Amino acid sequence: MVRRLRFNGMGSGEDGCPSVHEDLDSGEVIVHGPPLTDPEDIARLRHLGEGEVPIVVPRELLVDWGPKDMTRKAKTIDMDAFGRLFTQFEHTAWRLETRRRYASDETTDTYAQFLRGEPVDWNERDSEWCANRREQAALGKRVERVRIVDDPPTAGQLYLLDNARRNSAVGERIMNLPRAEADRLSLPSEDFWLFDSRMVALLVFDDADDLVGVELITEPSEVVRYAMVRDAAMHHAVPYEEFAAGLVVKE
């Protein structure tokens, strides 16, 4: 069985070695780095088993990137507190959208219009959501998203691709990334917001694709890991207009 490995981080060496990975199923930690080769040093090691290879890593690598708490209790917040995060952030709010559908979208009139093939009027200028985005943009704050899209896209993904016109009009920056590319980059399946590169709001969905909870993550090493996901996604994603044009060409 192939391990589900997560890259936690690496040391300061320019060659990217040594590094720490974590097995998401077993919790085991995999560390790789330069081997200990001096026979006299190896002879002084205790309990070195057959087939085991001693490696040398800086102490900082384990302090920075080793799992800190196997039983970390999730800190959850309600939807009102989650909504307040969008007025309290100071500089940036960034989201990775990974799901194939969002049940909340399918209850809207605009979704029904879209499925019927009717042009959707996204001029919801007076909604609280739009007002908040305009206000944050006026303060110089950035709100950005990368949406992962399947091939072929689901109905929900196509709806959000059309919906991106509204988001952009009120100050958000919307990018898209093919799921095959996200898989190649080993991006996680989690759907989350990253605020000011210091706090993660992990969105929890049930089997019916309804948002049922929000977990806050502030542990520095975990936040850095999500920030690395953001950087990789933003580097490879393209503006939604370009992505939508590519879909039209394929058709």
Protein backbone atom coordinates (compact mmCIF):
# COMPACT_ATOMS: atom_id res chain seq x y z
CA MET A 1 0.00 0.00 0.00
CA VAL A 2 1.36 3.40 -0.99
CA ARG A 3 1.88 5.73 1.93
CA ARG A 4 0.07 9.08 2.02
CA LEU A 5 3.05 11.28 2.80
CA ARG A 6 2.90 14.96 3.67
CA PHE A 7 5.96 17.15 3.26
CA ASN A 8 6.35 19.11 6.51
CA GLY A 9 9.49 21.11 5.79
CA MET A 10 13.20 21.09 5.18
CA GLY A 11 16.41 22.38 6.73
CA SER A 12 18.32 25.41 5.61
CA GLY A 13 20.54 23.59 3.13
CA GLU A 14 20.32 24.87 -0.41
CA ASP A 15 19.87 21.35 -1.76
CA GLY A 16 16.66 20.84 0.22
CA CYS A 17 18.17 18.18 2.43
CA PRO A 18 17.51 17.16 5.17
CA SER A 19 13.72 17.10 5.22
CA VAL A 20 10.81 15.81 7.29
CA HIS A 21 7.73 13.99 5.98
CA GLU A 22 4.79 12.61 7.93
CA ASP A 23 2.63 9.55 7.18
CA LEU A 24 -0.94 10.87 7.35
CA ASP A 25 -2.37 7.44 8.21
CA SER A 26 0.11 5.94 10.68
CA GLY A 27 1.51 9.17 12.13
CA GLU A 28 5.05 7.94 11.47
CA VAL A 29 7.71 10.55 10.72
CA ILE A 30 10.19 10.07 7.87
CA VAL A 31 13.40 12.06 8.05
CA HIS A 32 16.01 12.03 5.31
CA GLY A 33 19.42 13.62 5.25
CA PRO A 34 23.11 12.81 4.82
CA PRO A 35 24.07 9.37 6.17
CA LEU A 36 26.42 8.87 9.08
CA THR A 37 29.31 7.02 7.44
CA ASP A 38 32.29 7.09 9.82
CA PRO A 39 32.77 3.46 11.01
CA GLU A 40 33.89 4.56 14.48
CA ASP A 41 30.77 6.71 14.93
CA ILE A 42 28.52 3.93 13.68
CA ALA A 43 30.17 1.45 16.06
CA ARG A 44 29.17 3.62 19.03
CA LEU A 45 25.50 3.68 18.07
CA ARG A 46 23.23 1.53 20.25
CA HIS A 47 20.45 -0.69 18.89
CA LEU A 48 21.21 -0.03 15.22
CA GLY A 49 19.23 -2.78 13.55
CA GLU A 50 19.99 -4.65 10.36
CA GLY A 51 18.96 -2.60 7.36
CA GLU A 52 18.76 0.64 9.36
CA VAL A 53 20.71 3.64 8.10
CA PRO A 54 21.77 6.36 10.57
CA ILE A 55 21.36 9.90 9.25
CA VAL A 56 22.47 13.28 10.52
CA VAL A 57 20.01 16.18 10.81
CA PRO A 58 20.28 19.53 12.56
CA ARG A 59 18.34 19.82 15.80
CA GLU A 60 16.40 22.78 14.37
CA LEU A 61 14.87 20.57 11.70
CA LEU A 62 13.05 18.44 14.27
CA VAL A 63 12.13 21.43 16.42
CA ASP A 64 10.67 23.31 13.45
CA TRP A 65 9.03 20.51 11.49
CA GLY A 66 8.52 17.50 13.75
CA PRO A 67 4.90 16.92 14.95
CA LYS A 68 4.43 18.72 18.25
CA ASP A 69 1.29 17.18 19.71
CA MET A 70 -0.22 13.87 18.66
CA THR A 71 -3.46 14.70 20.52
CA ARG A 72 -3.94 18.35 19.61
CA LYS A 73 -7.50 19.31 20.43
CA ALA A 74 -9.27 21.00 17.59
CA LYS A 75 -10.33 24.59 18.27
CA THR A 76 -13.67 25.11 16.58
CA ILE A 77 -15.62 28.32 16.09
CA ASP A 78 -19.21 29.01 15.10
CA MET A 79 -20.28 30.64 11.85
CA ASP A 80 -20.65 34.10 13.38
CA ALA A 81 -17.06 34.02 14.62
CA PHE A 82 -15.96 32.72 11.23
CA GLY A 83 -17.68 35.63 9.53
CA ARG A 84 -15.91 38.12 11.79
CA LEU A 85 -12.55 36.86 10.53
CA PHE A 86 -13.27 38.65 7.26
CA THR A 87 -13.34 42.02 8.99
CA GLN A 88 -10.55 41.34 11.50
CA PHE A 89 -7.76 40.24 9.14
CA GLU A 90 -5.10 42.87 8.53
CA HIS A 91 -3.54 42.17 5.13
CA THR A 92 -4.54 39.01 3.24
CA ALA A 93 -7.26 36.38 3.20
CA TRP A 94 -6.58 33.47 0.85
CA ARG A 95 -8.65 30.38 0.11
CA LEU A 96 -8.09 27.01 -1.53
CA GLU A 97 -11.33 25.51 -2.85
CA THR A 98 -10.96 21.80 -3.50
CA ARG A 99 -14.45 20.33 -3.54
CA ARG A 100 -16.47 19.19 -6.52
CA ARG A 101 -19.70 20.70 -5.18
CA TYR A 102 -20.91 22.98 -2.39
CA ALA A 103 -24.43 22.20 -1.24
CA SER A 104 -25.08 25.81 -0.22
CA ASP A 105 -24.63 26.99 -3.82
CA GLU A 106 -27.37 24.66 -5.04
CA THR A 107 -30.04 26.32 -2.89
CA THR A 108 -29.66 29.71 -4.60
CA ASP A 109 -31.77 31.24 -7.35
CA THR A 110 -28.62 32.00 -9.33
CA TYR A 111 -27.68 28.31 -9.37
CA ALA A 112 -31.11 27.39 -10.74
CA GLN A 113 -30.74 30.08 -13.41
CA PHE A 114 -27.32 28.78 -14.35
CA LEU A 115 -28.53 25.17 -14.68
CA ARG A 116 -31.35 26.33 -16.95
CA GLY A 117 -28.75 27.96 -19.20
CA GLU A 118 -29.99 31.46 -18.46
CA PRO A 119 -27.58 34.41 -18.12
CA VAL A 120 -26.97 35.05 -14.44
CA ASP A 121 -27.08 38.62 -13.16
CA TRP A 122 -24.38 38.84 -10.50
CA ASN A 123 -25.13 42.45 -9.55
CA GLU A 124 -25.77 41.70 -5.88
CA ARG A 125 -24.22 45.01 -4.94
CA ASP A 126 -26.24 45.50 -1.76
CA SER A 127 -25.59 42.11 -0.15
CA GLU A 128 -23.64 41.99 3.11
CA TRP A 129 -21.04 39.71 1.50
CA CYS A 130 -20.36 42.12 -1.37
CA ALA A 131 -20.30 45.10 0.97
CA ASN A 132 -17.65 43.42 3.11
CA ARG A 133 -15.43 42.60 0.13
CA ARG A 134 -15.65 46.14 -1.20
CA GLU A 135 -14.85 47.55 2.23
CA GLN A 136 -11.78 45.33 2.68
CA ALA A 137 -10.53 46.16 -0.82
CA ALA A 138 -10.93 49.88 -0.09
CA LEU A 139 -8.71 49.41 2.98
CA GLY A 140 -5.98 47.93 0.77
CA LYS A 141 -6.50 44.34 1.92
CA ARG A 142 -6.25 41.41 -0.51
CA VAL A 143 -8.76 38.57 -0.81
CA GLU A 144 -7.72 35.79 -3.18
CA ARG A 145 -8.82 32.26 -4.08
CA VAL A 146 -7.56 29.32 -6.07
CA ARG A 147 -10.33 26.99 -7.20
CA ILE A 148 -9.42 23.46 -8.27
CA VAL A 149 -11.38 22.24 -11.28
CA ASP A 150 -11.90 18.71 -12.61
CA ASP A 151 -11.70 17.62 -16.24
CA PRO A 152 -14.48 17.76 -17.23
CA PRO A 153 -15.67 20.34 -14.68
CA THR A 154 -18.65 19.51 -12.48
CA ALA A 155 -21.80 21.63 -12.67
CA GLY A 156 -20.87 23.23 -9.38
CA GLN A 157 -17.40 24.13 -10.63
CA LEU A 158 -18.80 25.68 -13.81
CA TYR A 159 -21.24 27.67 -11.70
CA LEU A 160 -18.38 29.05 -9.58
CA LEU A 161 -16.40 29.84 -12.71
CA ASP A 162 -19.31 32.02 -13.84
CA ASN A 163 -19.72 33.36 -10.30
CA ALA A 164 -16.11 34.59 -10.37
CA ARG A 165 -17.32 37.66 -12.26
CA ARG A 166 -19.14 38.80 -9.11
CA ASN A 167 -16.17 38.10 -6.84
CA SER A 168 -13.85 40.05 -9.10
CA ALA A 169 -16.23 42.97 -9.34
CA VAL A 170 -16.13 43.48 -5.56
CA GLY A 171 -12.35 43.19 -5.24
CA GLU A 172 -11.40 39.51 -5.02
CA ARG A 173 -8.77 37.86 -7.18
CA ILE A 174 -9.95 34.48 -8.50
CA MET A 175 -7.59 31.88 -9.98
CA ASN A 176 -8.17 28.33 -11.22
CA LEU A 177 -6.03 25.20 -11.27
CA PRO A 178 -6.75 21.85 -12.97
CA ARG A 179 -7.09 19.01 -10.48
CA ALA A 180 -4.46 16.98 -12.34
CA GLU A 181 -1.99 19.80 -11.72
CA ALA A 182 -3.04 20.05 -8.07
CA ASP A 183 -2.42 16.31 -7.70
CA ARG A 184 0.97 16.64 -9.36
CA LEU A 185 1.86 19.34 -6.85
CA SER A 186 0.57 17.13 -3.99
CA LEU A 187 -1.81 19.86 -2.84
CA PRO A 188 -4.03 18.72 0.03
CA SER A 189 -7.71 17.95 -0.27
CA GLU A 190 -8.55 20.33 2.57
CA ASP A 191 -10.68 23.36 1.87
CA PHE A 192 -9.38 26.29 3.93
CA TRP A 193 -8.84 30.01 4.41
CA LEU A 194 -5.43 31.41 5.37
CA PHE A 195 -5.51 34.77 7.15
CA ASP A 196 -2.42 37.00 7.26
CA SER A 197 -0.17 33.92 6.93
CA ARG A 198 -0.68 33.33 10.67
CA MET A 199 -4.01 31.54 11.07
CA VAL A 200 -5.82 28.82 9.12
CA ALA A 201 -9.59 28.34 9.12
CA LEU A 202 -10.09 24.72 8.04
CA LEU A 203 -13.58 24.18 6.63
CA VAL A 204 -15.30 20.95 7.63
CA PHE A 205 -17.96 19.45 5.34
CA ASP A 206 -20.29 16.51 5.88
CA ASP A 207 -21.11 13.74 3.41
CA ALA A 208 -23.85 15.91 1.88
CA ASP A 209 -21.29 18.66 1.08
CA ASP A 210 -22.72 21.05 3.67
CA LEU A 211 -20.33 23.21 5.68
CA VAL A 212 -20.77 22.00 9.27
CA GLY A 213 -17.79 23.46 11.13
CA VAL A 214 -14.68 25.59 11.10
CA GLU A 215 -11.45 24.61 12.86
CA LEU A 216 -8.83 27.23 13.66
CA ILE A 217 -5.15 26.28 13.33
CA THR A 218 -2.47 28.60 14.71
CA GLU A 219 0.45 26.21 15.35
CA PRO A 220 3.33 27.91 13.49
CA SER A 221 4.65 24.84 11.69
CA GLU A 222 1.15 23.94 10.48
CA VAL A 223 0.43 27.48 9.33
CA VAL A 224 3.70 27.53 7.40
CA ARG A 225 2.70 24.27 5.70
CA TYR A 226 -0.57 25.81 4.52
CA ALA A 227 1.31 28.92 3.38
CA MET A 228 3.54 26.65 1.27
CA VAL A 229 0.38 25.19 -0.28
CA ARG A 230 -0.80 28.71 -1.09
CA ASP A 231 2.49 29.63 -2.74
CA ALA A 232 2.52 26.51 -4.91
CA ALA A 233 -1.13 26.92 -5.92
CA MET A 234 -0.76 30.60 -6.77
CA HIS A 235 2.37 29.94 -8.81
CA HIS A 236 0.64 27.43 -11.08
CA ALA A 237 -2.95 28.72 -11.15
CA VAL A 238 -4.24 31.05 -13.88
CA PRO A 239 -6.80 33.89 -13.78
CA TYR A 240 -10.36 32.63 -14.08
CA GLU A 241 -10.89 34.49 -17.38
CA GLU A 242 -7.96 32.65 -18.95
CA PHE A 243 -9.12 29.32 -17.53
CA ALA A 244 -12.67 29.82 -18.80
CA ALA A 245 -11.36 30.75 -22.28
CA GLY A 246 -9.37 27.51 -22.32
CA LEU A 247 -12.51 25.50 -21.61
CA VAL A 248 -14.30 27.17 -24.52
CA VAL A 249 -11.42 26.30 -26.86
CA LYS A 250 -11.54 22.64 -25.74
CA GLU A 251 -15.26 22.47 -26.47
